[in-house]
């Protein structure tokens, strides 16, 4: 019997958006946090489901591969969010002086 963990491959935002400011950053940060929490839950659920057969192992390997691919995409998105935060901080610092 395989795991019933749902694994989807969905970025946390629309990559065509340009960062308009603090409100955008807050929304993106929340979206990324929600995505991360979802993936942590999936991994936790995976540890609770016993892998007993060859089919279970193959199913788990496929689920982990999808998670790995999703993580690679989201890593790029996290870098983009981090760069946007830095640009926003620089902009705020310039406006203070």
PDB file of N, CA and C in Angstrom:
ATOM      1  N   UNK A   1       0.849  -1.183   0.000  1.00  0.00           N
ATOM      2  CA  UNK A   1       0.000   0.000   0.000  1.00  0.00           C
ATOM      3  C   UNK A   1       0.882   1.228   0.000  1.00  0.00           C
ATOM      4  N   UNK A   2       0.713   2.131  -0.944  1.00  0.00           N
ATOM      5  CA  UNK A   2       1.548   3.328  -1.089  1.00  0.00           C
ATOM      6  C   UNK A   2       1.077   4.469  -0.209  1.00  0.00           C
ATOM      7  N   UNK A   3       1.884   5.462  -0.167  1.00  0.00           N
ATOM      8  CA  UNK A   3       1.576   6.662   0.607  1.00  0.00           C
ATOM      9  C   UNK A   3       0.473   7.452  -0.076  1.00  0.00           C
ATOM     10  N   UNK A   4      -0.336   8.124   0.722  1.00  0.00           N
ATOM     11  CA  UNK A   4      -1.396   8.940   0.155  1.00  0.00           C
ATOM     12  C   UNK A   4      -1.040  10.418   0.190  1.00  0.00           C
ATOM     13  N   UNK A   5       0.235  10.716   0.274  1.00  0.00           N
ATOM     14  CA  UNK A   5       0.695  12.097   0.360  1.00  0.00           C
ATOM     15  C   UNK A   5       0.519  12.778  -0.989  1.00  0.00           C
ATOM     16  N   UNK A   6      -0.084  13.976  -0.973  1.00  0.00           N
ATOM     17  CA  UNK A   6      -0.262  14.757  -2.200  1.00  0.00           C
ATOM     18  C   UNK A   6       0.961  15.633  -2.399  1.00  0.00           C
ATOM     19  N   UNK A   7       1.544  15.492  -3.561  1.00  0.00           N
ATOM     20  CA  UNK A   7       2.709  16.302  -3.897  1.00  0.00           C
ATOM     21  C   UNK A   7       2.378  17.078  -5.157  1.00  0.00           C
ATOM     22  N   UNK A   8       2.422  18.412  -5.071  1.00  0.00           N
ATOM     23  CA  UNK A   8       2.158  19.200  -6.268  1.00  0.00           C
ATOM     24  C   UNK A   8       3.349  20.104  -6.550  1.00  0.00           C
ATOM     25  N   UNK A   9       3.407  20.536  -7.764  1.00  0.00           N
ATOM     26  CA  UNK A   9       4.520  21.352  -8.223  1.00  0.00           C
ATOM     27  C   UNK A   9       3.947  22.704  -8.624  1.00  0.00           C
ATOM     28  N   UNK A  10       3.939  23.638  -7.655  1.00  0.00           N
ATOM     29  CA  UNK A  10       3.283  24.910  -7.919  1.00  0.00           C
ATOM     30  C   UNK A  10       4.087  26.037  -7.282  1.00  0.00           C
ATOM     31  N   UNK A  11       4.611  26.955  -8.082  1.00  0.00           N
ATOM     32  CA  UNK A  11       5.343  28.074  -7.507  1.00  0.00           C
ATOM     33  C   UNK A  11       4.456  28.906  -6.594  1.00  0.00           C
ATOM     34  N   UNK A  12       5.056  29.640  -5.675  1.00  0.00           N
ATOM     35  CA  UNK A  12       4.274  30.395  -4.715  1.00  0.00           C
ATOM     36  C   UNK A  12       3.802  31.722  -5.243  1.00  0.00           C
ATOM     37  N   UNK A  13       4.152  32.080  -6.457  1.00  0.00           N
ATOM     38  CA  UNK A  13       3.676  33.342  -7.014  1.00  0.00           C
ATOM     39  C   UNK A  13       3.808  33.330  -8.524  1.00  0.00           C
ATOM     40  N   UNK A  14       3.286  34.359  -9.128  1.00  0.00           N
ATOM     41  CA  UNK A  14       3.386  34.532 -10.568  1.00  0.00           C
ATOM     42  C   UNK A  14       4.731  35.194 -10.884  1.00  0.00           C
ATOM     43  N   UNK A  15       5.646  34.464 -11.542  1.00  0.00           N
ATOM     44  CA  UNK A  15       6.988  35.018 -11.782  1.00  0.00           C
ATOM     45  C   UNK A  15       7.010  36.231 -12.701  1.00  0.00           C
ATOM     46  N   UNK A  16       5.927  36.521 -13.405  1.00  0.00           N
ATOM     47  CA  UNK A  16       5.928  37.677 -14.300  1.00  0.00           C
ATOM     48  C   UNK A  16       5.682  38.989 -13.552  1.00  0.00           C
ATOM     49  N   UNK A  17       5.285  38.917 -12.279  1.00  0.00           N
ATOM     50  CA  UNK A  17       5.042  40.128 -11.493  1.00  0.00           C
ATOM     51  C   UNK A  17       6.361  40.823 -11.176  1.00  0.00           C
ATOM     52  N   UNK A  18       6.340  42.124 -11.205  1.00  0.00           N
ATOM     53  CA  UNK A  18       7.490  42.857 -10.709  1.00  0.00           C
ATOM     54  C   UNK A  18       7.164  43.340  -9.307  1.00  0.00           C
ATOM     55  N   UNK A  19       8.145  43.380  -8.423  1.00  0.00           N
ATOM     56  CA  UNK A  19       7.866  43.742  -7.036  1.00  0.00           C
ATOM     57  C   UNK A  19       7.533  45.217  -6.871  1.00  0.00           C
ATOM     58  N   UNK A  20       6.257  45.555  -6.593  1.00  0.00           N
ATOM     59  CA  UNK A  20       5.891  46.954  -6.469  1.00  0.00           C
ATOM     60  C   UNK A  20       6.215  47.571  -5.119  1.00  0.00           C
ATOM     61  N   UNK A  21       6.495  46.775  -4.101  1.00  0.00           N
ATOM     62  CA  UNK A  21       6.830  47.384  -2.823  1.00  0.00           C
ATOM     63  C   UNK A  21       6.567  46.486  -1.636  1.00  0.00           C
ATOM     64  N   UNK A  22       6.402  47.135  -0.500  1.00  0.00           N
ATOM     65  CA  UNK A  22       6.283  46.423   0.765  1.00  0.00           C
ATOM     66  C   UNK A  22       5.080  45.479   0.795  1.00  0.00           C
ATOM     67  N   UNK A  23       3.940  45.905   0.298  1.00  0.00           N
ATOM     68  CA  UNK A  23       2.750  45.038   0.322  1.00  0.00           C
ATOM     69  C   UNK A  23       2.986  43.779  -0.509  1.00  0.00           C
ATOM     70  N   UNK A  24       3.597  43.942  -1.681  1.00  0.00           N
ATOM     71  CA  UNK A  24       3.946  42.788  -2.520  1.00  0.00           C
ATOM     72  C   UNK A  24       4.860  41.851  -1.750  1.00  0.00           C
ATOM     73  N   UNK A  25       5.879  42.430  -1.107  1.00  0.00           N
ATOM     74  CA  UNK A  25       6.838  41.609  -0.366  1.00  0.00           C
ATOM     75  C   UNK A  25       6.148  40.831   0.752  1.00  0.00           C
ATOM     76  N   UNK A  26       5.273  41.467   1.496  1.00  0.00           N
ATOM     77  CA  UNK A  26       4.554  40.787   2.583  1.00  0.00           C
ATOM     78  C   UNK A  26       3.726  39.618   2.053  1.00  0.00           C
ATOM     79  N   UNK A  27       3.038  39.857   0.933  1.00  0.00           N
ATOM     80  CA  UNK A  27       2.211  38.809   0.348  1.00  0.00           C
ATOM     81  C   UNK A  27       3.076  37.636  -0.132  1.00  0.00           C
ATOM     82  N   UNK A  28       4.181  37.950  -0.786  1.00  0.00           N
ATOM     83  CA  UNK A  28       5.069  36.900  -1.280  1.00  0.00           C
ATOM     84  C   UNK A  28       5.721  36.129  -0.134  1.00  0.00           C
ATOM     85  N   UNK A  29       6.098  36.837   0.911  1.00  0.00           N
ATOM     86  CA  UNK A  29       6.703  36.192   2.078  1.00  0.00           C
ATOM     87  C   UNK A  29       5.712  35.217   2.711  1.00  0.00           C
ATOM     88  N   UNK A  30       4.459  35.640   2.826  1.00  0.00           N
ATOM     89  CA  UNK A  30       3.428  34.760   3.384  1.00  0.00           C
ATOM     90  C   UNK A  30       3.205  33.551   2.481  1.00  0.00           C
ATOM     91  N   UNK A  31       3.145  33.779   1.182  1.00  0.00           N
ATOM     92  CA  UNK A  31       2.959  32.676   0.237  1.00  0.00           C
ATOM     93  C   UNK A  31       4.094  31.674   0.340  1.00  0.00           C
ATOM     94  N   UNK A  32       5.330  32.184   0.438  1.00  0.00           N
ATOM     95  CA  UNK A  32       6.473  31.291   0.553  1.00  0.00           C
ATOM     96  C   UNK A  32       6.414  30.518   1.868  1.00  0.00           C
ATOM     97  N   UNK A  33       6.051  31.189   2.951  1.00  0.00           N
ATOM     98  CA  UNK A  33       5.922  30.511   4.245  1.00  0.00           C
ATOM     99  C   UNK A  33       4.855  29.433   4.215  1.00  0.00           C
ATOM    100  N   UNK A  34       3.731  29.721   3.562  1.00  0.00           N
ATOM    101  CA  UNK A  34       2.658  28.727   3.427  1.00  0.00           C
ATOM    102  C   UNK A  34       3.145  27.525   2.616  1.00  0.00           C
ATOM    103  N   UNK A  35       3.859  27.795   1.528  1.00  0.00           N
ATOM    104  CA  UNK A  35       4.398  26.724   0.694  1.00  0.00           C
ATOM    105  C   UNK A  35       5.350  25.865   1.518  1.00  0.00           C
ATOM    106  N   UNK A  36       6.236  26.494   2.262  1.00  0.00           N
ATOM    107  CA  UNK A  36       7.212  25.768   3.063  1.00  0.00           C
ATOM    108  C   UNK A  36       6.527  24.905   4.121  1.00  0.00           C
ATOM    109  N   UNK A  37       5.530  25.450   4.785  1.00  0.00           N
ATOM    110  CA  UNK A  37       4.782  24.689   5.795  1.00  0.00           C
ATOM    111  C   UNK A  37       4.106  23.472   5.168  1.00  0.00           C
ATOM    112  N   UNK A  38       3.533  23.663   3.984  1.00  0.00           N
ATOM    113  CA  UNK A  38       2.881  22.555   3.283  1.00  0.00           C
ATOM    114  C   UNK A  38       3.879  21.438   2.984  1.00  0.00           C
ATOM    115  N   UNK A  39       5.057  21.799   2.519  1.00  0.00           N
ATOM    116  CA  UNK A  39       6.059  20.783   2.175  1.00  0.00           C
ATOM    117  C   UNK A  39       6.593  20.096   3.423  1.00  0.00           C
ATOM    118  N   UNK A  40       6.746  20.838   4.511  1.00  0.00           N
ATOM    119  CA  UNK A  40       7.171  20.226   5.774  1.00  0.00           C
ATOM    120  C   UNK A  40       6.130  19.220   6.247  1.00  0.00           C
ATOM    121  N   UNK A  41       4.852  19.552   6.082  1.00  0.00           N
ATOM    122  CA  UNK A  41       3.772  18.637   6.456  1.00  0.00           C
ATOM    123  C   UNK A  41       3.823  17.374   5.610  1.00  0.00           C
ATOM    124  N   UNK A  42       4.043  17.527   4.327  1.00  0.00           N
ATOM    125  CA  UNK A  42       4.144  16.370   3.430  1.00  0.00           C
ATOM    126  C   UNK A  42       5.286  15.462   3.872  1.00  0.00           C
ATOM    127  N   UNK A  43       6.441  16.046   4.163  1.00  0.00           N
ATOM    128  CA  UNK A  43       7.575  15.229   4.590  1.00  0.00           C
ATOM    129  C   UNK A  43       7.293  14.527   5.922  1.00  0.00           C
ATOM    130  N   UNK A  44       6.648  15.224   6.831  1.00  0.00           N
ATOM    131  CA  UNK A  44       6.291  14.607   8.112  1.00  0.00           C
ATOM    132  C   UNK A  44       5.332  13.441   7.894  1.00  0.00           C
ATOM    133  N   UNK A  45       4.331  13.642   7.031  1.00  0.00           N
ATOM    134  CA  UNK A  45       3.379  12.569   6.728  1.00  0.00           C
ATOM    135  C   UNK A  45       4.088  11.373   6.100  1.00  0.00           C
ATOM    136  N   UNK A  46       5.079  11.642   5.269  1.00  0.00           N
ATOM    137  CA  UNK A  46       5.823  10.545   4.649  1.00  0.00           C
ATOM    138  C   UNK A  46       6.516   9.677   5.701  1.00  0.00           C
ATOM    139  N   UNK A  47       7.020  10.309   6.746  1.00  0.00           N
ATOM    140  CA  UNK A  47       7.719   9.531   7.785  1.00  0.00           C
ATOM    141  C   UNK A  47       6.753   8.682   8.601  1.00  0.00           C
ATOM    142  N   UNK A  48       5.472   9.021   8.572  1.00  0.00           N
ATOM    143  CA  UNK A  48       4.483   8.276   9.346  1.00  0.00           C
ATOM    144  C   UNK A  48       3.911   7.078   8.596  1.00  0.00           C
ATOM    145  N   UNK A  49       4.131   7.026   7.289  1.00  0.00           N
ATOM    146  CA  UNK A  49       3.603   5.940   6.465  1.00  0.00           C
ATOM    147  C   UNK A  49       4.709   4.918   6.236  1.00  0.00           C
ATOM    148  N   UNK A  50       4.434   3.686   6.644  1.00  0.00           N
ATOM    149  CA  UNK A  50       5.432   2.618   6.479  1.00  0.00           C
ATOM    150  C   UNK A  50       5.607   2.263   5.009  1.00  0.00           C
ATOM    151  N   UNK A  51       6.845   2.049   4.648  1.00  0.00           N
ATOM    152  CA  UNK A  51       7.190   1.597   3.304  1.00  0.00           C
ATOM    153  C   UNK A  51       7.499   0.113   3.425  1.00  0.00           C
ATOM    154  N   UNK A  52       6.608  -0.718   2.862  1.00  0.00           N
ATOM    155  CA  UNK A  52       6.736  -2.161   3.081  1.00  0.00           C
ATOM    156  C   UNK A  52       6.999  -2.961   1.816  1.00  0.00           C
ATOM    157  N   UNK A  53       6.584  -2.465   0.677  1.00  0.00           N
ATOM    158  CA  UNK A  53       6.726  -3.239  -0.557  1.00  0.00           C
ATOM    159  C   UNK A  53       7.555  -2.462  -1.580  1.00  0.00           C
ATOM    160  N   UNK A  54       7.918  -3.165  -2.620  1.00  0.00           N
ATOM    161  CA  UNK A  54       8.654  -2.531  -3.713  1.00  0.00           C
ATOM    162  C   UNK A  54       7.836  -1.389  -4.319  1.00  0.00           C
ATOM    163  N   UNK A  55       6.533  -1.599  -4.464  1.00  0.00           N
ATOM    164  CA  UNK A  55       5.661  -0.544  -4.998  1.00  0.00           C
ATOM    165  C   UNK A  55       5.649   0.676  -4.083  1.00  0.00           C
ATOM    166  N   UNK A  56       5.644   0.434  -2.759  1.00  0.00           N
ATOM    167  CA  UNK A  56       5.703   1.540  -1.802  1.00  0.00           C
ATOM    168  C   UNK A  56       6.991   2.340  -1.978  1.00  0.00           C
ATOM    169  N   UNK A  57       8.080   1.625  -2.148  1.00  0.00           N
ATOM    170  CA  UNK A  57       9.389   2.276  -2.317  1.00  0.00           C
ATOM    171  C   UNK A  57       9.407   3.105  -3.590  1.00  0.00           C
ATOM    172  N   UNK A  58       8.896   2.540  -4.677  1.00  0.00           N
ATOM    173  CA  UNK A  58       8.857   3.270  -5.949  1.00  0.00           C
ATOM    174  C   UNK A  58       7.956   4.494  -5.851  1.00  0.00           C
ATOM    175  N   UNK A  59       6.820   4.338  -5.196  1.00  0.00           N
ATOM    176  CA  UNK A  59       5.907   5.467  -5.015  1.00  0.00           C
ATOM    177  C   UNK A  59       6.562   6.568  -4.190  1.00  0.00           C
ATOM    178  N   UNK A  60       7.216   6.188  -3.114  1.00  0.00           N
ATOM    179  CA  UNK A  60       7.896   7.167  -2.256  1.00  0.00           C
ATOM    180  C   UNK A  60       9.017   7.871  -3.023  1.00  0.00           C
ATOM    181  N   UNK A  61       9.765   7.116  -3.819  1.00  0.00           N
ATOM    182  CA  UNK A  61      10.846   7.709  -4.609  1.00  0.00           C
ATOM    183  C   UNK A  61      10.304   8.748  -5.596  1.00  0.00           C
ATOM    184  N   UNK A  62       9.160   8.451  -6.214  1.00  0.00           N
ATOM    185  CA  UNK A  62       8.538   9.405  -7.135  1.00  0.00           C
ATOM    186  C   UNK A  62       8.095  10.660  -6.400  1.00  0.00           C
ATOM    187  N   UNK A  63       7.475  10.473  -5.231  1.00  0.00           N
ATOM    188  CA  UNK A  63       7.033  11.629  -4.441  1.00  0.00           C
ATOM    189  C   UNK A  63       8.221  12.508  -4.044  1.00  0.00           C
ATOM    190  N   UNK A  64       9.312  11.871  -3.630  1.00  0.00           N
ATOM    191  CA  UNK A  64      10.496  12.630  -3.229  1.00  0.00           C
ATOM    192  C   UNK A  64      11.137  13.344  -4.414  1.00  0.00           C
ATOM    193  N   UNK A  65      11.099  12.729  -5.578  1.00  0.00           N
ATOM    194  CA  UNK A  65      11.641  13.367  -6.780  1.00  0.00           C
ATOM    195  C   UNK A  65      10.845  14.625  -7.122  1.00  0.00           C
ATOM    196  N   UNK A  66       9.521  14.554  -7.029  1.00  0.00           N
ATOM    197  CA  UNK A  66       8.685  15.724  -7.296  1.00  0.00           C
ATOM    198  C   UNK A  66       8.977  16.814  -6.269  1.00  0.00           C
ATOM    199  N   UNK A  67       9.124  16.437  -5.004  1.00  0.00           N
ATOM    200  CA  UNK A  67       9.472  17.418  -3.969  1.00  0.00           C
ATOM    201  C   UNK A  67      10.824  18.060  -4.256  1.00  0.00           C
ATOM    202  N   UNK A  68      11.769  17.253  -4.699  1.00  0.00           N
ATOM    203  CA  UNK A  68      13.094  17.783  -5.029  1.00  0.00           C
ATOM    204  C   UNK A  68      13.010  18.798  -6.169  1.00  0.00           C
ATOM    205  N   UNK A  69      12.242  18.484  -7.202  1.00  0.00           N
ATOM    206  CA  UNK A  69      12.082  19.405  -8.327  1.00  0.00           C
ATOM    207  C   UNK A  69      11.384  20.684  -7.881  1.00  0.00           C
ATOM    208  N   UNK A  70      10.377  20.554  -7.039  1.00  0.00           N
ATOM    209  CA  UNK A  70       9.653  21.706  -6.517  1.00  0.00           C
ATOM    210  C   UNK A  70      10.601  22.586  -5.697  1.00  0.00           C
ATOM    211  N   UNK A  71      11.426  21.952  -4.895  1.00  0.00           N
ATOM    212  CA  UNK A  71      12.389  22.692  -4.085  1.00  0.00           C
ATOM    213  C   UNK A  71      13.371  23.464  -4.959  1.00  0.00           C
ATOM    214  N   UNK A  72      13.810  22.872  -6.059  1.00  0.00           N
ATOM    215  CA  UNK A  72      14.720  23.564  -6.969  1.00  0.00           C
ATOM    216  C   UNK A  72      14.066  24.820  -7.545  1.00  0.00           C
ATOM    217  N   UNK A  73      12.813  24.710  -7.947  1.00  0.00           N
ATOM    218  CA  UNK A  73      12.082  25.867  -8.473  1.00  0.00           C
ATOM    219  C   UNK A  73      11.927  26.918  -7.376  1.00  0.00           C
ATOM    220  N   UNK A  74      11.506  26.493  -6.208  1.00  0.00           N
ATOM    221  CA  UNK A  74      11.262  27.430  -5.122  1.00  0.00           C
ATOM    222  C   UNK A  74      12.553  28.066  -4.609  1.00  0.00           C
ATOM    223  N   UNK A  75      13.669  27.369  -4.735  1.00  0.00           N
ATOM    224  CA  UNK A  75      14.941  27.970  -4.338  1.00  0.00           C
ATOM    225  C   UNK A  75      15.214  29.213  -5.176  1.00  0.00           C
ATOM    226  N   UNK A  76      14.950  29.115  -6.463  1.00  0.00           N
ATOM    227  CA  UNK A  76      15.108  30.273  -7.350  1.00  0.00           C
ATOM    228  C   UNK A  76      14.143  31.390  -6.947  1.00  0.00           C
ATOM    229  N   UNK A  77      12.916  31.011  -6.600  1.00  0.00           N
ATOM    230  CA  UNK A  77      11.931  31.996  -6.186  1.00  0.00           C
ATOM    231  C   UNK A  77      12.325  32.633  -4.853  1.00  0.00           C
ATOM    232  N   UNK A  78      12.897  31.843  -3.956  1.00  0.00           N
ATOM    233  CA  UNK A  78      13.370  32.385  -2.680  1.00  0.00           C
ATOM    234  C   UNK A  78      14.493  33.387  -2.930  1.00  0.00           C
ATOM    235  N   UNK A  79      15.416  33.058  -3.826  1.00  0.00           N
ATOM    236  CA  UNK A  79      16.484  34.005  -4.174  1.00  0.00           C
ATOM    237  C   UNK A  79      15.889  35.304  -4.714  1.00  0.00           C
ATOM    238  N   UNK A  80      14.865  35.194  -5.561  1.00  0.00           N
ATOM    239  CA  UNK A  80      14.209  36.377  -6.119  1.00  0.00           C
ATOM    240  C   UNK A  80      13.555  37.200  -5.010  1.00  0.00           C
ATOM    241  N   UNK A  81      12.894  36.537  -4.091  1.00  0.00           N
ATOM    242  CA  UNK A  81      12.253  37.219  -2.971  1.00  0.00           C
ATOM    243  C   UNK A  81      13.304  37.880  -2.080  1.00  0.00           C
ATOM    244  N   UNK A  82      14.396  37.202  -1.846  1.00  0.00           N
ATOM    245  CA  UNK A  82      15.482  37.746  -1.046  1.00  0.00           C
ATOM    246  C   UNK A  82      16.083  38.993  -1.711  1.00  0.00           C
ATOM    247  N   UNK A  83      16.287  38.935  -3.017  1.00  0.00           N
ATOM    248  CA  UNK A  83      16.804  40.097  -3.748  1.00  0.00           C
ATOM    249  C   UNK A  83      15.821  41.259  -3.703  1.00  0.00           C
ATOM    250  N   UNK A  84      14.526  40.941  -3.815  1.00  0.00           N
ATOM    251  CA  UNK A  84      13.505  41.989  -3.744  1.00  0.00           C
ATOM    252  C   UNK A  84      13.492  42.628  -2.355  1.00  0.00           C
ATOM    253  N   UNK A  85      13.690  41.820  -1.317  1.00  0.00           N
ATOM    254  CA  UNK A  85      13.734  42.357   0.047  1.00  0.00           C
ATOM    255  C   UNK A  85      14.925  43.287   0.212  1.00  0.00           C
ATOM    256  N   UNK A  86      16.048  42.897  -0.355  1.00  0.00           N
ATOM    257  CA  UNK A  86      17.234  43.745  -0.274  1.00  0.00           C
ATOM    258  C   UNK A  86      17.018  45.065  -1.020  1.00  0.00           C
ATOM    259  N   UNK A  87      16.428  44.999  -2.198  1.00  0.00           N
ATOM    260  CA  UNK A  87      16.144  46.210  -2.973  1.00  0.00           C
ATOM    261  C   UNK A  87      15.150  47.101  -2.231  1.00  0.00           C
ATOM    262  N   UNK A  88      14.153  46.488  -1.607  1.00  0.00           N
ATOM    263  CA  UNK A  88      13.172  47.247  -0.841  1.00  0.00           C
ATOM    264  C   UNK A  88      13.834  47.918   0.359  1.00  0.00           C
ATOM    265  N   UNK A  89      14.696  47.193   1.052  1.00  0.00           N
ATOM    266  CA  UNK A  89      15.412  47.767   2.197  1.00  0.00           C
ATOM    267  C   UNK A  89      16.296  48.920   1.757  1.00  0.00           C
ATOM    268  N   UNK A  90      16.995  48.755   0.644  1.00  0.00           N
ATOM    269  CA  UNK A  90      17.834  49.831   0.127  1.00  0.00           C
ATOM    270  C   UNK A  90      16.992  51.053  -0.228  1.00  0.00           C
ATOM    271  N   UNK A  91      15.834  50.819  -0.830  1.00  0.00           N
ATOM    272  CA  UNK A  91      14.941  51.908  -1.198  1.00  0.00           C
ATOM    273  C   UNK A  91      14.446  52.644   0.037  1.00  0.00           C
ATOM    274  N   UNK A  92      14.075  51.899   1.060  1.00  0.00           N
ATOM    275  CA  UNK A  92      13.609  52.519   2.303  1.00  0.00           C
ATOM    276  C   UNK A  92      14.718  53.334   2.973  1.00  0.00           C
ATOM    277  N   UNK A  93      15.942  52.782   2.938  1.00  0.00           N
ATOM    278  CA  UNK A  93      17.084  53.507   3.521  1.00  0.00           C
ATOM    279  C   UNK A  93      17.363  54.798   2.776  1.00  0.00           C
ATOM    280  N   UNK A  94      17.241  54.777   1.454  1.00  0.00           N
ATOM    281  CA  UNK A  94      17.484  55.981   0.655  1.00  0.00           C
ATOM    282  C   UNK A  94      16.415  57.028   0.919  1.00  0.00           C
ATOM    283  N   UNK A  95      15.194  56.590   1.149  1.00  0.00           N
ATOM    284  CA  UNK A  95      14.096  57.532   1.397  1.00  0.00           C
ATOM    285  C   UNK A  95      14.181  58.183   2.772  1.00  0.00           C
ATOM    286  N   UNK A  96      14.943  57.580   3.674  1.00  0.00           N
ATOM    287  CA  UNK A  96      15.078  58.127   5.020  1.00  0.00           C
ATOM    288  C   UNK A  96      16.021  59.327   5.045  1.00  0.00           C
ATOM    289  N   UNK A  97      16.890  59.420   4.079  1.00  0.00           N
ATOM    290  CA  UNK A  97      17.911  60.485   4.101  1.00  0.00           C
ATOM    291  C   UNK A  97      17.634  61.553   3.103  1.00  0.00           C
TER     292      UNK A  97
END
